[in-house]
Amino acid sequence: MRSVSNRTRIGVLAALTAFSAVLSTGSAAAQTQLNGDWAPFDRCPVDAPAMLAADGIETIATCISSSSATGSITLGKSQVPTGNTDLQLGVVQRSDGTNTLVAPAGGALTADQATVPGGLLGLMCPSSVPFVSAICRQLTDNNLNRITATIEPAGAPRDFNMVAAFSTGEPILTIPVRIHLKNPFLGDKCYIGTTADPVLLRPQNLNAPSLSLQRFAADGTRDDEGEMGRYTFSGADQGDATFAVPGASGCGVAGLLDWAVNLKTGLPSASGKNSVKLDNTSTYFGSPYDPAGLAPNEGRKLSEFWHSAVR
């Protein structure tokens, strides 16, 4: 039997830097506070059965965290900034080079809502249609005009390509998403893309990240002889300019404002007219420094170490 190499582990990390702002599900507030070098992994699903079952030789359980503070997504004629995003996943790596991704119970990624520039006035006003014009005349209150946008998952990631993680300009994976628009007039069910017809993002590295390695004790304290190791990838931008975007749905009562959103935004929009860019991501990959030394209980020891670092 042979252990999974550091090269394989780093490959998974580099690939996952591209996840950081394409699976948004809610507020980016941390759920747990962890000590020291454990801090980025506060939602790692260390107690998931697949993680606990890792033996340290044929399978290795690891924690992934990736975040980006700024970025933007362009859909047709509209550009929306991305808020703070925080991706966290568990990864069970096998000795044959395959892997299984394990999401936290609350979802793989949380994110701040982003405010759409111009609000509803910018999204569908002015208009020559009386029904829409009547809404536009009411938008003197900032709360009525304000639109928030959140990118949410619309299916499981697929087409994972580890080789692309080491290069630039090659898609690393495919991630189905939808964009949730919220406003009093649009209602709470207004989406661009659906689970049946999602936006398919294929992120790629736009530049190579820099790499550093930290070792730390089980409780997170920095220790050059510690039980844990953490790879830190920083400074990488990711993006995609190849995806198509379907039209809006569920906007307004019975979808009566779908067409207004589509007309002003230029949706549906074909491939080549849309883009996403995430700035300066920080990605962390954490696992026992010597997984084989913890066999056959590497996953259980990882969970034990994580819980010892909770503040």
Protein backbone atom coordinates (compact mmCIF):
# COMPACT_ATOMS: atom_id res chain seq x y z
CA MET A 1 0.00 0.00 0.00
CA ARG A 2 1.18 3.53 -0.67
CA SER A 3 0.22 6.92 0.72
CA VAL A 4 -1.11 9.80 -1.32
CA SER A 5 1.74 12.11 -2.34
CA ASN A 6 2.06 15.76 -1.36
CA ARG A 7 1.86 16.56 -5.09
CA THR A 8 -1.60 15.02 -5.29
CA ARG A 9 -2.69 16.83 -2.16
CA ILE A 10 -1.47 20.18 -3.49
CA GLY A 11 -3.26 19.52 -6.79
CA VAL A 12 -6.60 19.20 -5.04
CA LEU A 13 -5.92 22.43 -3.16
CA ALA A 14 -5.03 24.41 -6.27
CA ALA A 15 -8.14 23.21 -8.05
CA LEU A 16 -10.37 24.23 -5.20
CA THR A 17 -9.13 27.83 -5.23
CA ALA A 18 -11.51 28.26 -8.14
CA PHE A 19 -14.55 27.46 -5.99
CA SER A 20 -14.38 30.55 -3.84
CA ALA A 21 -17.30 32.63 -5.09
CA VAL A 22 -19.50 30.45 -7.20
CA LEU A 23 -21.55 28.53 -4.65
CA SER A 24 -22.90 31.28 -2.38
CA THR A 25 -25.64 30.26 0.04
CA GLY A 26 -25.88 32.93 2.74
CA SER A 27 -24.01 35.02 5.29
CA ALA A 28 -20.24 34.57 5.48
CA ALA A 29 -20.16 34.80 9.29
CA ALA A 30 -18.05 32.09 10.94
CA GLN A 31 -19.93 29.38 12.84
CA THR A 32 -17.06 28.32 15.10
CA GLN A 33 -13.83 29.99 16.19
CA LEU A 34 -10.70 27.87 15.99
CA ASN A 35 -7.27 28.56 17.44
CA GLY A 36 -4.21 29.57 15.43
CA ASP A 37 -3.55 27.91 12.09
CA TRP A 38 -6.83 25.98 12.33
CA ALA A 39 -8.76 29.29 12.00
CA PRO A 40 -9.58 29.09 8.24
CA PHE A 41 -11.21 25.65 8.68
CA ASP A 42 -14.03 26.59 11.07
CA ARG A 43 -16.67 24.73 9.01
CA CYS A 44 -14.63 21.71 7.92
CA PRO A 45 -16.92 18.61 8.09
CA VAL A 46 -14.48 16.59 10.19
CA ASP A 47 -17.28 14.52 11.73
CA ALA A 48 -18.84 13.41 8.43
CA PRO A 49 -18.78 9.59 8.13
CA ALA A 50 -16.65 9.64 4.97
CA MET A 51 -14.04 11.82 6.68
CA LEU A 52 -13.97 9.77 9.88
CA ALA A 53 -13.50 6.56 7.87
CA ALA A 54 -10.22 7.70 6.26
CA ASP A 55 -7.38 5.38 7.27
CA GLY A 56 -4.38 7.55 6.36
CA ILE A 57 -2.97 5.17 3.73
CA GLU A 58 -5.57 4.21 1.14
CA THR A 59 -7.70 7.24 2.01
CA ILE A 60 -6.71 10.59 3.54
CA ALA A 61 -9.15 13.11 5.03
CA THR A 62 -8.23 16.77 4.59
CA CYS A 63 -9.81 20.20 5.07
CA ILE A 64 -10.08 22.86 2.35
CA SER A 65 -10.86 26.55 2.84
CA SER A 66 -10.86 29.24 0.15
CA SER A 67 -11.96 32.87 0.35
CA SER A 68 -12.09 36.00 -1.76
CA ALA A 69 -13.01 39.49 -0.58
CA THR A 70 -13.80 41.05 -3.95
CA GLY A 71 -14.71 40.18 -7.50
CA SER A 72 -17.43 40.67 -10.10
CA ILE A 73 -19.78 38.77 -12.36
CA THR A 74 -21.07 40.13 -15.68
CA LEU A 75 -24.36 38.77 -17.02
CA GLY A 76 -25.32 40.16 -20.39
CA LYS A 77 -25.43 43.94 -19.96
CA SER A 78 -25.16 43.98 -16.15
CA GLN A 79 -22.19 43.72 -13.82
CA VAL A 80 -22.59 42.85 -10.14
CA PRO A 81 -19.81 42.82 -7.51
CA THR A 82 -19.32 39.68 -5.45
CA GLY A 83 -19.27 39.92 -1.66
CA ASN A 84 -16.95 38.16 0.77
CA THR A 85 -17.06 34.45 0.09
CA ASP A 86 -15.91 31.50 2.16
CA LEU A 87 -15.70 28.03 0.66
CA GLN A 88 -15.03 25.07 2.93
CA LEU A 89 -14.98 21.39 2.04
CA GLY A 90 -13.69 18.12 3.29
CA VAL A 91 -11.79 16.02 0.76
CA VAL A 92 -11.25 12.28 1.00
CA GLN A 93 -8.33 11.45 -1.29
CA ARG A 94 -7.70 7.90 -2.48
CA SER A 95 -4.37 6.31 -3.33
CA ASP A 96 -5.52 5.79 -6.95
CA GLY A 97 -5.71 9.58 -7.46
CA THR A 98 -9.51 9.90 -7.21
CA ASN A 99 -11.29 11.86 -4.51
CA THR A 100 -14.63 12.56 -2.90
CA LEU A 101 -15.74 16.05 -1.86
CA VAL A 102 -17.64 16.34 1.43
CA ALA A 103 -19.67 19.51 2.07
CA PRO A 104 -20.41 20.91 5.55
CA ALA A 105 -23.97 20.40 6.78
CA GLY A 106 -24.82 24.05 6.08
CA GLY A 107 -23.43 24.03 2.53
CA ALA A 108 -19.99 24.28 0.98
CA LEU A 109 -19.84 28.04 0.71
CA THR A 110 -21.27 31.06 2.47
CA ALA A 111 -21.16 34.60 1.10
CA ASP A 112 -22.22 38.14 1.79
CA GLN A 113 -25.02 39.44 -0.38
CA ALA A 114 -23.94 41.90 -3.05
CA THR A 115 -25.91 45.03 -3.88
CA VAL A 116 -26.80 45.46 -7.56
CA PRO A 117 -25.57 48.89 -8.75
CA GLY A 118 -28.50 51.16 -9.66
CA GLY A 119 -31.03 48.88 -8.00
CA LEU A 120 -34.39 48.32 -9.63
CA LEU A 121 -34.12 51.67 -11.43
CA GLY A 122 -31.03 50.42 -13.20
CA LEU A 123 -32.44 46.95 -13.77
CA MET A 124 -35.72 47.79 -15.55
CA CYS A 125 -36.32 51.55 -15.64
CA PRO A 126 -37.24 53.63 -17.55
CA SER A 127 -39.90 51.68 -19.38
CA SER A 128 -42.64 52.49 -21.89
CA VAL A 129 -44.85 49.76 -20.46
CA PRO A 130 -47.45 51.31 -18.10
CA PHE A 131 -47.27 48.50 -15.53
CA VAL A 132 -43.48 48.82 -15.21
CA SER A 133 -43.57 52.63 -15.37
CA ALA A 134 -45.95 52.63 -12.41
CA ILE A 135 -43.39 50.66 -10.39
CA CYS A 136 -40.57 52.97 -11.51
CA ARG A 137 -42.49 56.02 -10.20
CA GLN A 138 -42.63 54.44 -6.74
CA LEU A 139 -38.87 53.93 -6.44
CA THR A 140 -38.17 57.07 -4.43
CA ASP A 141 -37.41 54.97 -1.34
CA ASN A 142 -33.95 53.36 -1.28
CA ASN A 143 -35.37 50.25 0.36
CA LEU A 144 -37.78 49.76 -2.53
CA ASN A 145 -35.09 50.36 -5.12
CA ARG A 146 -32.36 48.20 -3.54
CA ILE A 147 -31.63 44.78 -5.10
CA THR A 148 -29.34 42.20 -3.54
CA ALA A 149 -27.80 39.35 -5.52
CA THR A 150 -26.45 36.07 -4.19
CA ILE A 151 -24.89 33.31 -6.26
CA GLU A 152 -26.22 29.93 -5.13
CA PRO A 153 -25.49 26.30 -6.05
CA ALA A 154 -27.80 24.73 -8.62
CA GLY A 155 -26.29 21.24 -8.77
CA ALA A 156 -23.21 19.22 -7.91
CA PRO A 157 -19.78 20.22 -9.29
CA ARG A 158 -18.45 17.94 -12.03
CA ASP A 159 -15.76 17.56 -14.72
CA PHE A 160 -12.96 17.92 -12.18
CA ASN A 161 -9.55 18.16 -13.90
CA MET A 162 -6.61 18.01 -11.50
CA VAL A 163 -4.02 18.70 -14.21
CA ALA A 164 -5.65 22.09 -14.83
CA ALA A 165 -5.01 23.01 -11.20
CA PHE A 166 -1.29 23.33 -11.93
CA SER A 167 -1.72 25.54 -15.01
CA THR A 168 -3.53 28.64 -16.21
CA GLY A 169 -6.18 29.01 -18.88
CA GLU A 170 -7.68 25.52 -18.55
CA PRO A 171 -11.05 24.79 -16.86
CA ILE A 172 -10.66 23.03 -13.53
CA LEU A 173 -14.26 21.91 -13.08
CA THR A 174 -17.87 22.74 -13.95
CA ILE A 175 -20.08 24.33 -11.28
CA PRO A 176 -23.84 24.81 -11.85
CA VAL A 177 -25.12 28.01 -10.16
CA ARG A 178 -28.06 30.39 -10.16
CA ILE A 179 -28.25 34.07 -9.16
CA HIS A 180 -30.87 34.99 -6.57
CA LEU A 181 -32.22 38.56 -6.90
CA LYS A 182 -34.16 40.03 -3.97
CA ASN A 183 -36.29 43.19 -3.92
CA PRO A 184 -39.79 44.02 -2.58
CA PHE A 185 -41.20 44.23 -6.12
CA LEU A 186 -39.26 41.25 -7.47
CA GLY A 187 -40.20 39.10 -4.49
CA ASP A 188 -38.14 36.31 -2.94
CA LYS A 189 -38.20 33.82 -5.84
CA CYS A 190 -36.54 35.82 -8.60
CA TYR A 191 -33.62 33.90 -10.13
CA ILE A 192 -31.34 34.08 -13.13
CA GLY A 193 -30.87 30.41 -13.92
CA THR A 194 -32.59 27.45 -12.29
CA THR A 195 -31.66 24.00 -11.06
CA ALA A 196 -33.01 22.65 -14.36
CA ASP A 197 -31.27 25.30 -16.49
CA PRO A 198 -28.33 26.65 -14.47
CA VAL A 199 -25.42 28.92 -15.28
CA LEU A 200 -22.48 26.55 -15.84
CA LEU A 201 -19.26 28.14 -14.58
CA ARG A 202 -15.94 26.59 -15.60
CA PRO A 203 -13.38 28.49 -13.51
CA GLN A 204 -9.69 28.50 -14.34
CA ASN A 205 -6.56 29.97 -12.81
CA LEU A 206 -5.80 33.36 -14.35
CA ASN A 207 -2.39 33.43 -12.67
CA ALA A 208 -0.41 30.97 -10.58
CA PRO A 209 -0.81 31.30 -6.79
CA SER A 210 2.16 31.51 -4.45
CA LEU A 211 2.64 28.62 -2.03
CA SER A 212 3.83 28.34 1.56
CA LEU A 213 3.73 25.56 4.17
CA GLN A 214 3.01 25.88 7.89
CA ARG A 215 3.23 23.16 10.53
CA PHE A 216 1.22 23.44 13.71
CA ALA A 217 0.24 21.48 16.79
CA ALA A 218 -3.04 19.60 17.06
CA ASP A 219 -4.66 22.57 18.85
CA GLY A 220 -3.62 25.07 16.16
CA THR A 221 -0.54 26.55 17.85
CA ARG A 222 2.34 27.16 15.39
CA ASP A 223 4.90 24.38 15.90
CA ASP A 224 7.61 23.35 13.43
CA GLU A 225 7.30 19.78 14.72
CA GLY A 226 3.50 19.79 15.01
CA GLU A 227 1.10 17.03 14.02
CA MET A 228 -0.68 19.16 11.39
CA GLY A 229 0.42 20.70 8.09
CA ARG A 230 -1.21 23.54 6.16
CA TYR A 231 -0.49 24.60 2.59
CA THR A 232 -1.41 28.24 1.91
CA PHE A 233 -2.05 29.38 -1.66
CA SER A 234 -2.40 33.16 -2.06
CA GLY A 235 -2.59 35.83 -4.73
CA ALA A 236 -4.42 33.80 -7.39
CA ASP A 237 -7.26 35.29 -9.45
CA GLN A 238 -9.77 32.91 -11.01
CA GLY A 239 -12.28 33.49 -13.76
CA ASP A 240 -14.41 32.25 -16.62
CA ALA A 241 -15.68 34.04 -19.73
CA THR A 242 -17.21 31.08 -21.58
CA PHE A 243 -20.55 30.46 -19.89
CA ALA A 244 -24.03 31.20 -21.23
CA VAL A 245 -26.76 32.72 -19.04
CA PRO A 246 -30.47 31.80 -19.25
CA GLY A 247 -33.28 34.24 -18.66
CA ALA A 248 -34.81 35.29 -15.34
CA SER A 249 -37.74 33.48 -13.74
CA GLY A 250 -40.01 33.98 -10.74
CA CYS A 251 -39.59 37.78 -10.72
CA GLY A 252 -42.66 39.63 -9.45
CA VAL A 253 -46.08 38.10 -8.86
CA ALA A 254 -46.43 34.99 -11.05
CA GLY A 255 -43.25 35.98 -12.90
CA LEU A 256 -44.84 39.11 -14.40
CA LEU A 257 -41.51 40.98 -14.25
CA ASP A 258 -39.33 38.28 -15.84
CA TRP A 259 -39.44 39.93 -19.24
CA ALA A 260 -38.57 43.37 -17.81
CA VAL A 261 -35.48 41.99 -16.06
CA ASN A 262 -34.45 40.08 -19.19
CA LEU A 263 -34.94 43.08 -21.51
CA LYS A 264 -32.87 45.52 -19.45
CA THR A 265 -30.19 42.97 -18.54
CA GLY A 266 -29.83 41.48 -22.01
CA LEU A 267 -30.83 37.92 -21.08
CA PRO A 268 -30.67 35.21 -22.19
CA SER A 269 -27.01 35.84 -23.02
CA ALA A 270 -24.83 33.56 -25.15
CA SER A 271 -21.37 32.26 -24.29
CA GLY A 272 -18.70 34.94 -24.70
CA LYS A 273 -20.91 37.78 -23.44
CA ASN A 274 -20.61 36.95 -19.74
CA SER A 275 -17.75 36.63 -17.27
CA VAL A 276 -16.82 36.08 -13.64
CA LYS A 277 -13.59 37.15 -11.94
CA LEU A 278 -12.53 36.55 -8.34
CA ASP A 279 -9.71 38.67 -6.95
CA ASN A 280 -6.75 37.58 -4.87
CA THR A 281 -8.07 34.37 -3.37
CA SER A 282 -6.59 32.84 -0.24
CA THR A 283 -6.80 29.07 -0.08
CA TYR A 284 -5.75 26.68 2.67
CA PHE A 285 -5.27 22.94 2.66
CA GLY A 286 -4.95 21.26 6.06
CA SER A 287 -4.29 17.66 7.00
CA PRO A 288 -2.09 15.65 9.38
CA TYR A 289 1.54 16.16 8.39
CA ASP A 290 2.14 12.40 8.40
CA PRO A 291 -1.22 10.75 7.58
CA ALA A 292 0.26 7.25 7.38
CA GLY A 293 1.62 7.65 10.90
CA LEU A 294 -1.97 7.88 12.16
CA ALA A 295 -3.21 4.79 10.28
CA PRO A 296 -5.73 3.28 10.49
CA ASN A 297 -7.44 6.23 12.27
CA GLU A 298 -6.29 9.31 10.34
CA GLY A 299 -9.84 10.64 9.86
CA ARG A 300 -10.74 10.20 13.50
CA LYS A 301 -7.52 11.86 14.63
CA LEU A 302 -8.20 14.81 12.29
CA SER A 303 -11.59 15.23 13.97
CA GLU A 304 -9.98 14.99 17.42
CA PHE A 305 -7.37 17.63 16.52
CA TRP A 306 -10.06 19.98 15.10
CA HIS A 307 -12.20 19.77 18.24
CA SER A 308 -9.17 20.44 20.45
CA ALA A 309 -8.71 23.79 18.67
CA VAL A 310 -12.25 25.10 19.27
CA ARG A 311 -12.12 28.24 21.41
